[in-house]
Amino acid sequence: MTAEHGKIPDWGRRDRQRDLEWIRENLHIFWPAATDAYVELGRGAIVVDTTQQPIPGLGNPFGYFTQAEIEQKDDEDAKRMVREYDPDGEFVLVMLKPKDLMSIYRVQARWQGE
């Protein structure tokens, strides 16, 4: 597994694997939220603050940011993913993490409802 900037370190692969498992576990929440928001607001991304859990055990706060809001940010990957995803079976998920880190995923959810 490599990235544009070279080999992904072991900690990065482990972090990505944990992210993907977490996304799978929560897909039943994010997919309907993303599709409803797209219908109402157009292209955008779900942004989840994984650093907070206001009520323990009941998930993390999240919201839908429109394409215009994403375009105002300084993250080229997020901008590109929001421009390119297929809303019929995909959505973009931004995970805010400790130490001002974030992970961005273009999630395929086509199997939902089929």
PDB file of N, CA and C in Angstrom:
ATOM      1  N   MET A   1       0.849  -1.167   0.000  1.00  0.00           N
ATOM      2  CA  MET A   1       0.000   0.000   0.000  1.00  0.00           C
ATOM      3  C   MET A   1       0.897   1.233   0.000  1.00  0.00           C
ATOM      4  N   THR A   2       0.660   2.114  -0.946  1.00  0.00           N
ATOM      5  CA  THR A   2       1.464   3.330  -1.030  1.00  0.00           C
ATOM      6  C   THR A   2       0.556   4.532  -1.211  1.00  0.00           C
ATOM      7  N   ALA A   3       1.108   5.684  -0.986  1.00  0.00           N
ATOM      8  CA  ALA A   3       0.416   6.952  -1.202  1.00  0.00           C
ATOM      9  C   ALA A   3       1.265   7.776  -2.158  1.00  0.00           C
ATOM     10  N   GLU A   4       0.750   8.930  -2.543  1.00  0.00           N
ATOM     11  CA  GLU A   4       1.500   9.801  -3.448  1.00  0.00           C
ATOM     12  C   GLU A   4       2.864  10.161  -2.888  1.00  0.00           C
ATOM     13  N   HIS A   5       2.967  10.224  -1.582  1.00  0.00           N
ATOM     14  CA  HIS A   5       4.196  10.681  -0.943  1.00  0.00           C
ATOM     15  C   HIS A   5       5.073   9.528  -0.473  1.00  0.00           C
ATOM     16  N   GLY A   6       4.820   8.314  -0.906  1.00  0.00           N
ATOM     17  CA  GLY A   6       5.653   7.180  -0.518  1.00  0.00           C
ATOM     18  C   GLY A   6       4.878   6.129   0.246  1.00  0.00           C
ATOM     19  N   LYS A   7       5.625   5.236   0.867  1.00  0.00           N
ATOM     20  CA  LYS A   7       5.044   4.123   1.600  1.00  0.00           C
ATOM     21  C   LYS A   7       4.297   4.612   2.838  1.00  0.00           C
ATOM     22  N   ILE A   8       3.130   4.027   3.093  1.00  0.00           N
ATOM     23  CA  ILE A   8       2.352   4.371   4.274  1.00  0.00           C
ATOM     24  C   ILE A   8       2.945   3.618   5.467  1.00  0.00           C
ATOM     25  N   PRO A   9       3.252   4.319   6.557  1.00  0.00           N
ATOM     26  CA  PRO A   9       3.831   3.645   7.721  1.00  0.00           C
ATOM     27  C   PRO A   9       2.827   2.696   8.384  1.00  0.00           C
ATOM     28  N   ASP A  10       3.343   1.761   9.182  1.00  0.00           N
ATOM     29  CA  ASP A  10       2.490   0.771   9.842  1.00  0.00           C
ATOM     30  C   ASP A  10       1.394   1.432  10.673  1.00  0.00           C
ATOM     31  N   TRP A  11       1.728   2.484  11.430  1.00  0.00           N
ATOM     32  CA  TRP A  11       0.720   3.136  12.260  1.00  0.00           C
ATOM     33  C   TRP A  11      -0.389   3.721  11.381  1.00  0.00           C
ATOM     34  N   GLY A  12      -0.048   4.193  10.195  1.00  0.00           N
ATOM     35  CA  GLY A  12      -1.034   4.749   9.278  1.00  0.00           C
ATOM     36  C   GLY A  12      -1.973   3.682   8.742  1.00  0.00           C
ATOM     37  N   ARG A  13      -1.410   2.523   8.424  1.00  0.00           N
ATOM     38  CA  ARG A  13      -2.256   1.401   7.960  1.00  0.00           C
ATOM     39  C   ARG A  13      -3.194   0.938   9.056  1.00  0.00           C
ATOM     40  N   ARG A  14      -2.689   0.855  10.300  1.00  0.00           N
ATOM     41  CA  ARG A  14      -3.541   0.433  11.426  1.00  0.00           C
ATOM     42  C   ARG A  14      -4.651   1.454  11.670  1.00  0.00           C
ATOM     43  N   ASP A  15      -4.312   2.732  11.605  1.00  0.00           N
ATOM     44  CA  ASP A  15      -5.296   3.791  11.804  1.00  0.00           C
ATOM     45  C   ASP A  15      -6.375   3.729  10.728  1.00  0.00           C
ATOM     46  N   ARG A  16      -5.949   3.544   9.495  1.00  0.00           N
ATOM     47  CA  ARG A  16      -6.902   3.451   8.382  1.00  0.00           C
ATOM     48  C   ARG A  16      -7.824   2.252   8.552  1.00  0.00           C
ATOM     49  N   GLN A  17      -7.282   1.111   8.963  1.00  0.00           N
ATOM     50  CA  GLN A  17      -8.091  -0.093   9.174  1.00  0.00           C
ATOM     51  C   GLN A  17      -9.136   0.140  10.258  1.00  0.00           C
ATOM     52  N   ARG A  18      -8.736   0.788  11.356  1.00  0.00           N
ATOM     53  CA  ARG A  18      -9.696   1.111  12.426  1.00  0.00           C
ATOM     54  C   ARG A  18     -10.781   2.054  11.908  1.00  0.00           C
ATOM     55  N   ASP A  19     -10.379   3.041  11.115  1.00  0.00           N
ATOM     56  CA  ASP A  19     -11.362   3.966  10.528  1.00  0.00           C
ATOM     57  C   ASP A  19     -12.377   3.218   9.681  1.00  0.00           C
ATOM     58  N   LEU A  20     -11.896   2.340   8.811  1.00  0.00           N
ATOM     59  CA  LEU A  20     -12.796   1.619   7.903  1.00  0.00           C
ATOM     60  C   LEU A  20     -13.758   0.713   8.668  1.00  0.00           C
ATOM     61  N   GLU A  21     -13.278   0.082   9.719  1.00  0.00           N
ATOM     62  CA  GLU A  21     -14.160  -0.743  10.556  1.00  0.00           C
ATOM     63  C   GLU A  21     -15.227   0.123  11.220  1.00  0.00           C
ATOM     64  N   TRP A  22     -14.823   1.270  11.741  1.00  0.00           N
ATOM     65  CA  TRP A  22     -15.752   2.187  12.394  1.00  0.00           C
ATOM     66  C   TRP A  22     -16.802   2.693  11.394  1.00  0.00           C
ATOM     67  N   ILE A  23     -16.364   3.017  10.191  1.00  0.00           N
ATOM     68  CA  ILE A  23     -17.301   3.473   9.157  1.00  0.00           C
ATOM     69  C   ILE A  23     -18.308   2.373   8.839  1.00  0.00           C
ATOM     70  N   ARG A  24     -17.830   1.128   8.664  1.00  0.00           N
ATOM     71  CA  ARG A  24     -18.747   0.004   8.395  1.00  0.00           C
ATOM     72  C   ARG A  24     -19.781  -0.143   9.508  1.00  0.00           C
ATOM     73  N   GLU A  25     -19.340  -0.027  10.760  1.00  0.00           N
ATOM     74  CA  GLU A  25     -20.246  -0.167  11.901  1.00  0.00           C
ATOM     75  C   GLU A  25     -21.302   0.934  11.935  1.00  0.00           C
ATOM     76  N   ASN A  26     -20.998   2.081  11.381  1.00  0.00           N
ATOM     77  CA  ASN A  26     -21.900   3.231  11.441  1.00  0.00           C
ATOM     78  C   ASN A  26     -22.528   3.594  10.100  1.00  0.00           C
ATOM     79  N   LEU A  27     -22.334   2.768   9.104  1.00  0.00           N
ATOM     80  CA  LEU A  27     -22.844   3.055   7.766  1.00  0.00           C
ATOM     81  C   LEU A  27     -24.361   3.217   7.765  1.00  0.00           C
ATOM     82  N   HIS A  28     -25.046   2.459   8.617  1.00  0.00           N
ATOM     83  CA  HIS A  28     -26.506   2.536   8.673  1.00  0.00           C
ATOM     84  C   HIS A  28     -26.998   3.913   9.150  1.00  0.00           C
ATOM     85  N   ILE A  29     -26.112   4.685   9.766  1.00  0.00           N
ATOM     86  CA  ILE A  29     -26.455   6.045  10.183  1.00  0.00           C
ATOM     87  C   ILE A  29     -26.034   7.055   9.107  1.00  0.00           C
ATOM     88  N   PHE A  30     -24.805   6.905   8.623  1.00  0.00           N
ATOM     89  CA  PHE A  30     -24.247   7.897   7.704  1.00  0.00           C
ATOM     90  C   PHE A  30     -24.866   7.875   6.306  1.00  0.00           C
ATOM     91  N   TRP A  31     -25.140   6.695   5.768  1.00  0.00           N
ATOM     92  CA  TRP A  31     -25.681   6.618   4.405  1.00  0.00           C
ATOM     93  C   TRP A  31     -27.031   7.331   4.286  1.00  0.00           C
ATOM     94  N   PRO A  32     -28.019   7.038   5.146  1.00  0.00           N
ATOM     95  CA  PRO A  32     -29.285   7.786   5.041  1.00  0.00           C
ATOM     96  C   PRO A  32     -29.113   9.288   5.283  1.00  0.00           C
ATOM     97  N   ALA A  33     -28.247   9.651   6.230  1.00  0.00           N
ATOM     98  CA  ALA A  33     -28.024  11.079   6.495  1.00  0.00           C
ATOM     99  C   ALA A  33     -27.422  11.764   5.271  1.00  0.00           C
ATOM    100  N   ALA A  34     -26.464  11.100   4.636  1.00  0.00           N
ATOM    101  CA  ALA A  34     -25.804  11.678   3.457  1.00  0.00           C
ATOM    102  C   ALA A  34     -26.780  11.805   2.289  1.00  0.00           C
ATOM    103  N   THR A  35     -27.592  10.789   2.060  1.00  0.00           N
ATOM    104  CA  THR A  35     -28.517  10.856   0.917  1.00  0.00           C
ATOM    105  C   THR A  35     -29.595  11.915   1.156  1.00  0.00           C
ATOM    106  N   ASP A  36     -30.125  11.988   2.375  1.00  0.00           N
ATOM    107  CA  ASP A  36     -31.134  13.007   2.674  1.00  0.00           C
ATOM    108  C   ASP A  36     -30.552  14.414   2.536  1.00  0.00           C
ATOM    109  N   ALA A  37     -29.340  14.610   3.058  1.00  0.00           N
ATOM    110  CA  ALA A  37     -28.706  15.929   2.970  1.00  0.00           C
ATOM    111  C   ALA A  37     -28.412  16.301   1.522  1.00  0.00           C
ATOM    112  N   TYR A  38     -27.999  15.322   0.721  1.00  0.00           N
ATOM    113  CA  TYR A  38     -27.723  15.605  -0.689  1.00  0.00           C
ATOM    114  C   TYR A  38     -28.997  16.085  -1.390  1.00  0.00           C
ATOM    115  N   VAL A  39     -30.114  15.407  -1.136  1.00  0.00           N
ATOM    116  CA  VAL A  39     -31.387  15.787  -1.764  1.00  0.00           C
ATOM    117  C   VAL A  39     -31.769  17.209  -1.366  1.00  0.00           C
ATOM    118  N   GLU A  40     -31.558  17.549  -0.097  1.00  0.00           N
ATOM    119  CA  GLU A  40     -31.959  18.860   0.396  1.00  0.00           C
ATOM    120  C   GLU A  40     -30.956  19.971   0.085  1.00  0.00           C
ATOM    121  N   LEU A  41     -29.641  19.652   0.164  1.00  0.00           N
ATOM    122  CA  LEU A  41     -28.616  20.698   0.100  1.00  0.00           C
ATOM    123  C   LEU A  41     -27.642  20.582  -1.070  1.00  0.00           C
ATOM    124  N   GLY A  42     -27.654  19.455  -1.769  1.00  0.00           N
ATOM    125  CA  GLY A  42     -26.696  19.238  -2.844  1.00  0.00           C
ATOM    126  C   GLY A  42     -25.424  18.572  -2.336  1.00  0.00           C
ATOM    127  N   ARG A  43     -24.406  18.590  -3.165  1.00  0.00           N
ATOM    128  CA  ARG A  43     -23.128  17.950  -2.815  1.00  0.00           C
ATOM    129  C   ARG A  43     -22.583  18.464  -1.507  1.00  0.00           C
ATOM    130  N   GLY A  44     -21.855  17.570  -0.821  1.00  0.00           N
ATOM    131  CA  GLY A  44     -21.244  17.950   0.439  1.00  0.00           C
ATOM    132  C   GLY A  44     -20.568  16.758   1.084  1.00  0.00           C
ATOM    133  N   ALA A  45     -20.285  16.879   2.367  1.00  0.00           N
ATOM    134  CA  ALA A  45     -19.610  15.814   3.112  1.00  0.00           C
ATOM    135  C   ALA A  45     -20.147  15.771   4.534  1.00  0.00           C
ATOM    136  N   ILE A  46     -20.198  14.571   5.066  1.00  0.00           N
ATOM    137  CA  ILE A  46     -20.497  14.402   6.481  1.00  0.00           C
ATOM    138  C   ILE A  46     -19.195  14.603   7.245  1.00  0.00           C
ATOM    139  N   VAL A  47     -19.236  15.440   8.263  1.00  0.00           N
ATOM    140  CA  VAL A  47     -18.069  15.698   9.102  1.00  0.00           C
ATOM    141  C   VAL A  47     -18.398  15.196  10.505  1.00  0.00           C
ATOM    142  N   VAL A  48     -17.546  14.284  11.008  1.00  0.00           N
ATOM    143  CA  VAL A  48     -17.753  13.667  12.318  1.00  0.00           C
ATOM    144  C   VAL A  48     -16.619  14.083  13.242  1.00  0.00           C
ATOM    145  N   ASP A  49     -16.979  14.552  14.422  1.00  0.00           N
ATOM    146  CA  ASP A  49     -15.973  14.891  15.431  1.00  0.00           C
ATOM    147  C   ASP A  49     -15.760  13.662  16.309  1.00  0.00           C
ATOM    148  N   THR A  50     -14.723  12.899  15.996  1.00  0.00           N
ATOM    149  CA  THR A  50     -14.460  11.671  16.751  1.00  0.00           C
ATOM    150  C   THR A  50     -13.787  11.948  18.087  1.00  0.00           C
ATOM    151  N   THR A  51     -13.493  13.214  18.369  1.00  0.00           N
ATOM    152  CA  THR A  51     -12.837  13.559  19.638  1.00  0.00           C
ATOM    153  C   THR A  51     -13.856  13.776  20.745  1.00  0.00           C
ATOM    154  N   GLN A  52     -15.140  13.803  20.406  1.00  0.00           N
ATOM    155  CA  GLN A  52     -16.179  14.061  21.397  1.00  0.00           C
ATOM    156  C   GLN A  52     -17.228  12.969  21.374  1.00  0.00           C
ATOM    157  N   GLN A  53     -17.781  12.700  22.532  1.00  0.00           N
ATOM    158  CA  GLN A  53     -18.926  11.815  22.659  1.00  0.00           C
ATOM    159  C   GLN A  53     -19.748  12.368  23.827  1.00  0.00           C
ATOM    160  N   PRO A  54     -20.598  13.380  23.540  1.00  0.00           N
ATOM    161  CA  PRO A  54     -21.314  14.080  24.608  1.00  0.00           C
ATOM    162  C   PRO A  54     -22.065  13.155  25.562  1.00  0.00           C
ATOM    163  N   ILE A  55     -22.668  12.115  25.016  1.00  0.00           N
ATOM    164  CA  ILE A  55     -23.340  11.123  25.852  1.00  0.00           C
ATOM    165  C   ILE A  55     -22.616   9.802  25.615  1.00  0.00           C
ATOM    166  N   PRO A  56     -21.840   9.342  26.602  1.00  0.00           N
ATOM    167  CA  PRO A  56     -21.033   8.123  26.416  1.00  0.00           C
ATOM    168  C   PRO A  56     -21.856   6.960  25.854  1.00  0.00           C
ATOM    169  N   GLY A  57     -21.285   6.346  24.828  1.00  0.00           N
ATOM    170  CA  GLY A  57     -21.927   5.191  24.201  1.00  0.00           C
ATOM    171  C   GLY A  57     -22.971   5.524  23.153  1.00  0.00           C
ATOM    172  N   LEU A  58     -23.263   6.812  22.943  1.00  0.00           N
ATOM    173  CA  LEU A  58     -24.304   7.181  21.985  1.00  0.00           C
ATOM    174  C   LEU A  58     -23.773   7.900  20.755  1.00  0.00           C
ATOM    175  N   GLY A  59     -22.532   7.674  20.423  1.00  0.00           N
ATOM    176  CA  GLY A  59     -21.985   8.191  19.181  1.00  0.00           C
ATOM    177  C   GLY A  59     -21.333   9.552  19.286  1.00  0.00           C
ATOM    178  N   ASN A  60     -20.838   9.988  18.139  1.00  0.00           N
ATOM    179  CA  ASN A  60     -20.109  11.242  18.031  1.00  0.00           C
ATOM    180  C   ASN A  60     -20.949  12.261  17.279  1.00  0.00           C
ATOM    181  N   PRO A  61     -20.773  13.549  17.576  1.00  0.00           N
ATOM    182  CA  PRO A  61     -21.521  14.574  16.848  1.00  0.00           C
ATOM    183  C   PRO A  61     -21.065  14.648  15.384  1.00  0.00           C
ATOM    184  N   PHE A  62     -22.031  14.840  14.495  1.00  0.00           N
ATOM    185  CA  PHE A  62     -21.701  14.990  13.081  1.00  0.00           C
ATOM    186  C   PHE A  62     -22.696  15.914  12.414  1.00  0.00           C
ATOM    187  N   GLY A  63     -22.289  16.434  11.276  1.00  0.00           N
ATOM    188  CA  GLY A  63     -23.153  17.303  10.498  1.00  0.00           C
ATOM    189  C   GLY A  63     -22.786  17.217   9.033  1.00  0.00           C
ATOM    190  N   TYR A  64     -23.597  17.822   8.213  1.00  0.00           N
ATOM    191  CA  TYR A  64     -23.376  17.825   6.766  1.00  0.00           C
ATOM    192  C   TYR A  64     -22.901  19.207   6.362  1.00  0.00           C
ATOM    193  N   PHE A  65     -21.756  19.249   5.709  1.00  0.00           N
ATOM    194  CA  PHE A  65     -21.206  20.502   5.206  1.00  0.00           C
ATOM    195  C   PHE A  65     -21.371  20.516   3.694  1.00  0.00           C
ATOM    196  N   THR A  66     -21.925  21.580   3.166  1.00  0.00           N
ATOM    197  CA  THR A  66     -22.171  21.672   1.727  1.00  0.00           C
ATOM    198  C   THR A  66     -20.860  21.815   0.953  1.00  0.00           C
ATOM    199  N   GLN A  67     -20.951  21.627  -0.346  1.00  0.00           N
ATOM    200  CA  GLN A  67     -19.775  21.786  -1.196  1.00  0.00           C
ATOM    201  C   GLN A  67     -19.194  23.189  -1.054  1.00  0.00           C
ATOM    202  N   ALA A  68     -20.042  24.201  -0.990  1.00  0.00           N
ATOM    203  CA  ALA A  68     -19.546  25.576  -0.837  1.00  0.00           C
ATOM    204  C   ALA A  68     -18.757  25.732   0.459  1.00  0.00           C
ATOM    205  N   GLU A  69     -19.211  25.105   1.532  1.00  0.00           N
ATOM    206  CA  GLU A  69     -18.491  25.176   2.808  1.00  0.00           C
ATOM    207  C   GLU A  69     -17.164  24.424   2.739  1.00  0.00           C
ATOM    208  N   ILE A  70     -17.157  23.282   2.071  1.00  0.00           N
ATOM    209  CA  ILE A  70     -15.926  22.495   1.917  1.00  0.00           C
ATOM    210  C   ILE A  70     -14.926  23.265   1.056  1.00  0.00           C
ATOM    211  N   GLU A  71     -15.403  23.927   0.011  1.00  0.00           N
ATOM    212  CA  GLU A  71     -14.517  24.686  -0.881  1.00  0.00           C
ATOM    213  C   GLU A  71     -13.810  25.829  -0.159  1.00  0.00           C
ATOM    214  N   GLN A  72     -14.376  26.304   0.941  1.00  0.00           N
ATOM    215  CA  GLN A  72     -13.752  27.391   1.703  1.00  0.00           C
ATOM    216  C   GLN A  72     -12.594  26.898   2.572  1.00  0.00           C
ATOM    217  N   LYS A  73     -12.487  25.597   2.750  1.00  0.00           N
ATOM    218  CA  LYS A  73     -11.433  25.032   3.601  1.00  0.00           C
ATOM    219  C   LYS A  73     -10.156  24.843   2.797  1.00  0.00           C
ATOM    220  N   ASP A  74      -9.098  24.514   3.502  1.00  0.00           N
ATOM    221  CA  ASP A  74      -7.771  24.408   2.899  1.00  0.00           C
ATOM    222  C   ASP A  74      -7.386  22.977   2.543  1.00  0.00           C
ATOM    223  N   ASP A  75      -8.336  22.088   2.377  1.00  0.00           N
ATOM    224  CA  ASP A  75      -8.009  20.685   2.142  1.00  0.00           C
ATOM    225  C   ASP A  75      -8.367  20.278   0.710  1.00  0.00           C
ATOM    226  N   GLU A  76      -7.350  20.120  -0.110  1.00  0.00           N
ATOM    227  CA  GLU A  76      -7.570  19.799  -1.523  1.00  0.00           C
ATOM    228  C   GLU A  76      -8.184  18.413  -1.717  1.00  0.00           C
ATOM    229  N   ASP A  77      -7.817  17.447  -0.861  1.00  0.00           N
ATOM    230  CA  ASP A  77      -8.407  16.106  -0.982  1.00  0.00           C
ATOM    231  C   ASP A  77      -9.913  16.147  -0.741  1.00  0.00           C
ATOM    232  N   ALA A  78     -10.334  16.851   0.296  1.00  0.00           N
ATOM    233  CA  ALA A  78     -11.765  16.956   0.591  1.00  0.00           C
ATOM    234  C   ALA A  78     -12.499  17.634  -0.565  1.00  0.00           C
ATOM    235  N   LYS A  79     -11.934  18.710  -1.083  1.00  0.00           N
ATOM    236  CA  LYS A  79     -12.565  19.417  -2.199  1.00  0.00           C
ATOM    237  C   LYS A  79     -12.725  18.497  -3.403  1.00  0.00           C
ATOM    238  N   ARG A  80     -11.644  17.775  -3.743  1.00  0.00           N
ATOM    239  CA  ARG A  80     -11.675  16.866  -4.887  1.00  0.00           C
ATOM    240  C   ARG A  80     -12.703  15.757  -4.695  1.00  0.00           C
ATOM    241  N   MET A  81     -12.710  15.155  -3.517  1.00  0.00           N
ATOM    242  CA  MET A  81     -13.647  14.054  -3.267  1.00  0.00           C
ATOM    243  C   MET A  81     -15.094  14.524  -3.348  1.00  0.00           C
ATOM    244  N   VAL A  82     -15.381  15.698  -2.801  1.00  0.00           N
ATOM    245  CA  VAL A  82     -16.752  16.221  -2.847  1.00  0.00           C
ATOM    246  C   VAL A  82     -17.161  16.520  -4.285  1.00  0.00           C
ATOM    247  N   ARG A  83     -16.247  17.001  -5.098  1.00  0.00           N
ATOM    248  CA  ARG A  83     -16.560  17.276  -6.511  1.00  0.00           C
ATOM    249  C   ARG A  83     -16.828  15.997  -7.296  1.00  0.00           C
ATOM    250  N   GLU A  84     -16.152  14.893  -6.919  1.00  0.00           N
ATOM    251  CA  GLU A  84     -16.139  13.693  -7.757  1.00  0.00           C
ATOM    252  C   GLU A  84     -17.044  12.546  -7.325  1.00  0.00           C
ATOM    253  N   TYR A  85     -17.527  12.535  -6.088  1.00  0.00           N
ATOM    254  CA  TYR A  85     -18.281  11.345  -5.660  1.00  0.00           C
ATOM    255  C   TYR A  85     -19.600  11.207  -6.418  1.00  0.00           C
ATOM    256  N   ASP A  86     -20.075   9.964  -6.492  1.00  0.00           N
ATOM    257  CA  ASP A  86     -21.345   9.647  -7.151  1.00  0.00           C
ATOM    258  C   ASP A  86     -22.427   9.553  -6.074  1.00  0.00           C
ATOM    259  N   PRO A  87     -23.311  10.540  -5.972  1.00  0.00           N
ATOM    260  CA  PRO A  87     -24.293  10.551  -4.883  1.00  0.00           C
ATOM    261  C   PRO A  87     -25.304   9.409  -4.939  1.00  0.00           C
ATOM    262  N   ASP A  88     -25.361   8.692  -6.049  1.00  0.00           N
ATOM    263  CA  ASP A  88     -26.265   7.547  -6.123  1.00  0.00           C
ATOM    264  C   ASP A  88     -25.759   6.353  -5.319  1.00  0.00           C
ATOM    265  N   GLY A  89     -24.485   6.338  -4.976  1.00  0.00           N
ATOM    266  CA  GLY A  89     -23.979   5.207  -4.215  1.00  0.00           C
ATOM    267  C   GLY A  89     -22.765   5.509  -3.372  1.00  0.00           C
ATOM    268  N   GLU A  90     -22.425   6.787  -3.229  1.00  0.00           N
ATOM    269  CA  GLU A  90     -21.241   7.161  -2.460  1.00  0.00           C
ATOM    270  C   GLU A  90     -21.519   8.421  -1.644  1.00  0.00           C
ATOM    271  N   PHE A  91     -20.677   8.619  -0.646  1.00  0.00           N
ATOM    272  CA  PHE A  91     -20.671   9.880   0.090  1.00  0.00           C
ATOM    273  C   PHE A  91     -19.261  10.117   0.607  1.00  0.00           C
ATOM    274  N   VAL A  92     -19.005  11.352   1.026  1.00  0.00           N
ATOM    275  CA  VAL A  92     -17.702  11.713   1.562  1.00  0.00           C
ATOM    276  C   VAL A  92     -17.843  11.874   3.072  1.00  0.00           C
ATOM    277  N   LEU A  93     -16.901  11.276   3.795  1.00  0.00           N
ATOM    278  CA  LEU A  93     -16.895  11.333   5.246  1.00  0.00           C
ATOM    279  C   LEU A  93     -15.568  11.902   5.720  1.00  0.00           C
ATOM    280  N   VAL A  94     -15.639  12.951   6.523  1.00  0.00           N
ATOM    281  CA  VAL A  94     -14.451  13.576   7.115  1.00  0.00           C
ATOM    282  C   VAL A  94     -14.485  13.260   8.607  1.00  0.00           C
ATOM    283  N   MET A  95     -13.408  12.654   9.093  1.00  0.00           N
ATOM    284  CA  MET A  95     -13.305  12.317  10.509  1.00  0.00           C
ATOM    285  C   MET A  95     -12.317  13.269  11.168  1.00  0.00           C
ATOM    286  N   LEU A  96     -12.802  14.115  12.075  1.00  0.00           N
ATOM    287  CA  LEU A  96     -11.934  14.995  12.850  1.00  0.00           C
ATOM    288  C   LEU A  96     -11.367  14.176  13.999  1.00  0.00           C
ATOM    289  N   LYS A  97     -10.049  14.261  14.190  1.00  0.00           N
ATOM    290  CA  LYS A  97      -9.365  13.418  15.157  1.00  0.00           C
ATOM    291  C   LYS A  97      -8.540  14.260  16.127  1.00  0.00           C
ATOM    292  N   PRO A  98      -8.054  13.624  17.198  1.00  0.00           N
ATOM    293  CA  PRO A  98      -7.205  14.363  18.138  1.00  0.00           C
ATOM    294  C   PRO A  98      -5.970  14.953  17.452  1.00  0.00           C
ATOM    295  N   LYS A  99      -5.389  15.953  18.095  1.00  0.00           N
ATOM    296  CA  LYS A  99      -4.178  16.635  17.628  1.00  0.00           C
ATOM    297  C   LYS A  99      -4.395  17.330  16.288  1.00  0.00           C
ATOM    298  N   ASP A 100      -5.613  17.802  16.046  1.00  0.00           N
ATOM    299  CA  ASP A 100      -5.971  18.514  14.815  1.00  0.00           C
ATOM    300  C   ASP A 100      -5.735  17.690  13.552  1.00  0.00           C
ATOM    301  N   LEU A 101      -5.809  16.382  13.661  1.00  0.00           N
ATOM    302  CA  LEU A 101      -5.696  15.503  12.499  1.00  0.00           C
ATOM    303  C   LEU A 101      -7.078  15.222  11.953  1.00  0.00           C
ATOM    304  N   MET A 102      -7.118  14.785  10.698  1.00  0.00           N
ATOM    305  CA  MET A 102      -8.381  14.340  10.122  1.00  0.00           C
ATOM    306  C   MET A 102      -8.110  13.305   9.051  1.00  0.00           C
ATOM    307  N   SER A 103      -9.118  12.469   8.833  1.00  0.00           N
ATOM    308  CA  SER A 103      -9.071  11.472   7.761  1.00  0.00           C
ATOM    309  C   SER A 103     -10.294  11.691   6.895  1.00  0.00           C
ATOM    310  N   ILE A 104     -10.106  11.549   5.584  1.00  0.00           N
ATOM    311  CA  ILE A 104     -11.192  11.797   4.628  1.00  0.00           C
ATOM    312  C   ILE A 104     -11.368  10.545   3.785  1.00  0.00           C
ATOM    313  N   TYR A 105     -12.615  10.116   3.648  1.00  0.00           N
ATOM    314  CA  TYR A 105     -12.913   8.901   2.893  1.00  0.00           C
ATOM    315  C   TYR A 105     -14.047   9.154   1.909  1.00  0.00           C
ATOM    316  N   ARG A 106     -13.917   8.581   0.746  1.00  0.00           N
ATOM    317  CA  ARG A 106     -15.007   8.525  -0.232  1.00  0.00           C
ATOM    318  C   ARG A 106     -15.582   7.126  -0.073  1.00  0.00           C
ATOM    319  N   VAL A 107     -16.762   7.043   0.537  1.00  0.00           N
ATOM    320  CA  VAL A 107     -17.337   5.768   0.949  1.00  0.00           C
ATOM    321  C   VAL A 107     -18.330   5.278  -0.092  1.00  0.00           C
ATOM    322  N   GLN A 108     -18.149   4.033  -0.518  1.00  0.00           N
ATOM    323  CA  GLN A 108     -19.101   3.412  -1.434  1.00  0.00           C
ATOM    324  C   GLN A 108     -20.138   2.672  -0.624  1.00  0.00           C
ATOM    325  N   ALA A 109     -21.390   2.979  -0.858  1.00  0.00           N
ATOM    326  CA  ALA A 109     -22.481   2.362  -0.099  1.00  0.00           C
ATOM    327  C   ALA A 109     -23.546   1.810  -1.032  1.00  0.00           C
ATOM    328  N   ARG A 110     -23.179   1.466  -2.239  1.00  0.00           N
ATOM    329  CA  ARG A 110     -24.145   1.009  -3.249  1.00  0.00           C
ATOM    330  C   ARG A 110     -24.969  -0.180  -2.816  1.00  0.00           C
ATOM    331  N   TRP A 111     -24.400  -1.030  -1.987  1.00  0.00           N
ATOM    332  CA  TRP A 111     -25.122  -2.230  -1.570  1.00  0.00           C
ATOM    333  C   TRP A 111     -26.315  -1.901  -0.691  1.00  0.00           C
ATOM    334  N   GLN A 112     -26.359  -0.723  -0.121  1.00  0.00           N
ATOM    335  CA  GLN A 112     -27.457  -0.335   0.763  1.00  0.00           C
ATOM    336  C   GLN A 112     -28.765  -0.350  -0.012  1.00  0.00           C
ATOM    337  N   GLY A 113     -29.740  -1.051   0.504  1.00  0.00           N
ATOM    338  CA  GLY A 113     -31.073  -1.041  -0.075  1.00  0.00           C
ATOM    339  C   GLY A 113     -31.225  -1.870  -1.337  1.00  0.00           C
ATOM    340  N   GLU A 114     -30.187  -2.546  -1.770  1.00  0.00           N
ATOM    341  CA  GLU A 114     -30.307  -3.363  -2.985  1.00  0.00           C
ATOM    342  C   GLU A 114     -30.646  -4.781  -2.627  1.00  0.00           C
TER     343      GLU A 114
END
